[in-house]
Amino acid sequence: MTTDDGNVPIDPWMLLRETDWSSIDHCCPDTAPATPVVLAGLLDVDEDVQRTAIRNLAQLVTHGNSIYGATAPAARFVIAVLGHSRTTTSGVYFHEERRRPMRAALLQWLGDLAFDATYDEDGPGEPDDVAAVRAVLPLIYEAARPYLFDADLLIREAAVHAAATTLVVPELAVHIPEFVPLVRSTLSTSEYRGHRYLAKRCLVTWGVEPGPLPDSLISRPEDGYSDDPPF
């Protein structure tokens, strides 16, 4: 179970019960009662339910790269269940065509969320909602760390993606020197265009020469990313 602030365990099921989902904003009207069901579905024994849940997760709380009142508590739930054995289910998730463990997809979702929350000064949402997500960034960083050297390349890439995007937080910036070689070796050399883009952006932001990237920088349908952020 993932810990909150490094010490207190986050109980995902208590989080589902204690969050008043009907009182916080989501992407679409009348979806709040379904949110706990969607989140619980991430750990369902039925892989089809899992695939549907992860698709609905993005639609409910991060649709159009936006941040809502429900986004931060949903992210906390994802962080709390990241190490669960059910997240190793392999499948095709979100808008991509590549098969990967659901854990990799969830890490990428957390990394994309961190990117969206910090892409500019205001963030894509109401100030309080954006602030709530930015407060979760240290938890995303801690949740990604165990997978930075995972045996599965796709999990490893997604973990570096998730952790690296949180280092804009002042208290996490101290870790930038150790992430420079990780980003170079993992994201800069990735077959996935989105990771190569993120590698260059991180290194430039950190004041580090990004060096040469692979020649193939033209977006392909299987890459899943558009040419310009946010994604």
Foldseek 3Di string as FASTA:
>chain_A
DAADPRPHADDLVVLLVPDPQVVWAWQDPPCSVCLSVLLVQCQDPDVVSNQVSQQVLCRTAQPPNAGIQVNLSSLVSLLNCLPPPSQQDWDDHDQADDIGRNSLVSLLVLLLNLCQLVVDDQGRYPNVRSVSSLVCLVSSLVSLVVQCPPPDLSSNLSSLSNNLSNCVPVVNVVCVVVSLVSLLVRQLADPQLVSVVSSCVSCVVNVHDSPDGDPPNDDDSNNVDDPDDPD
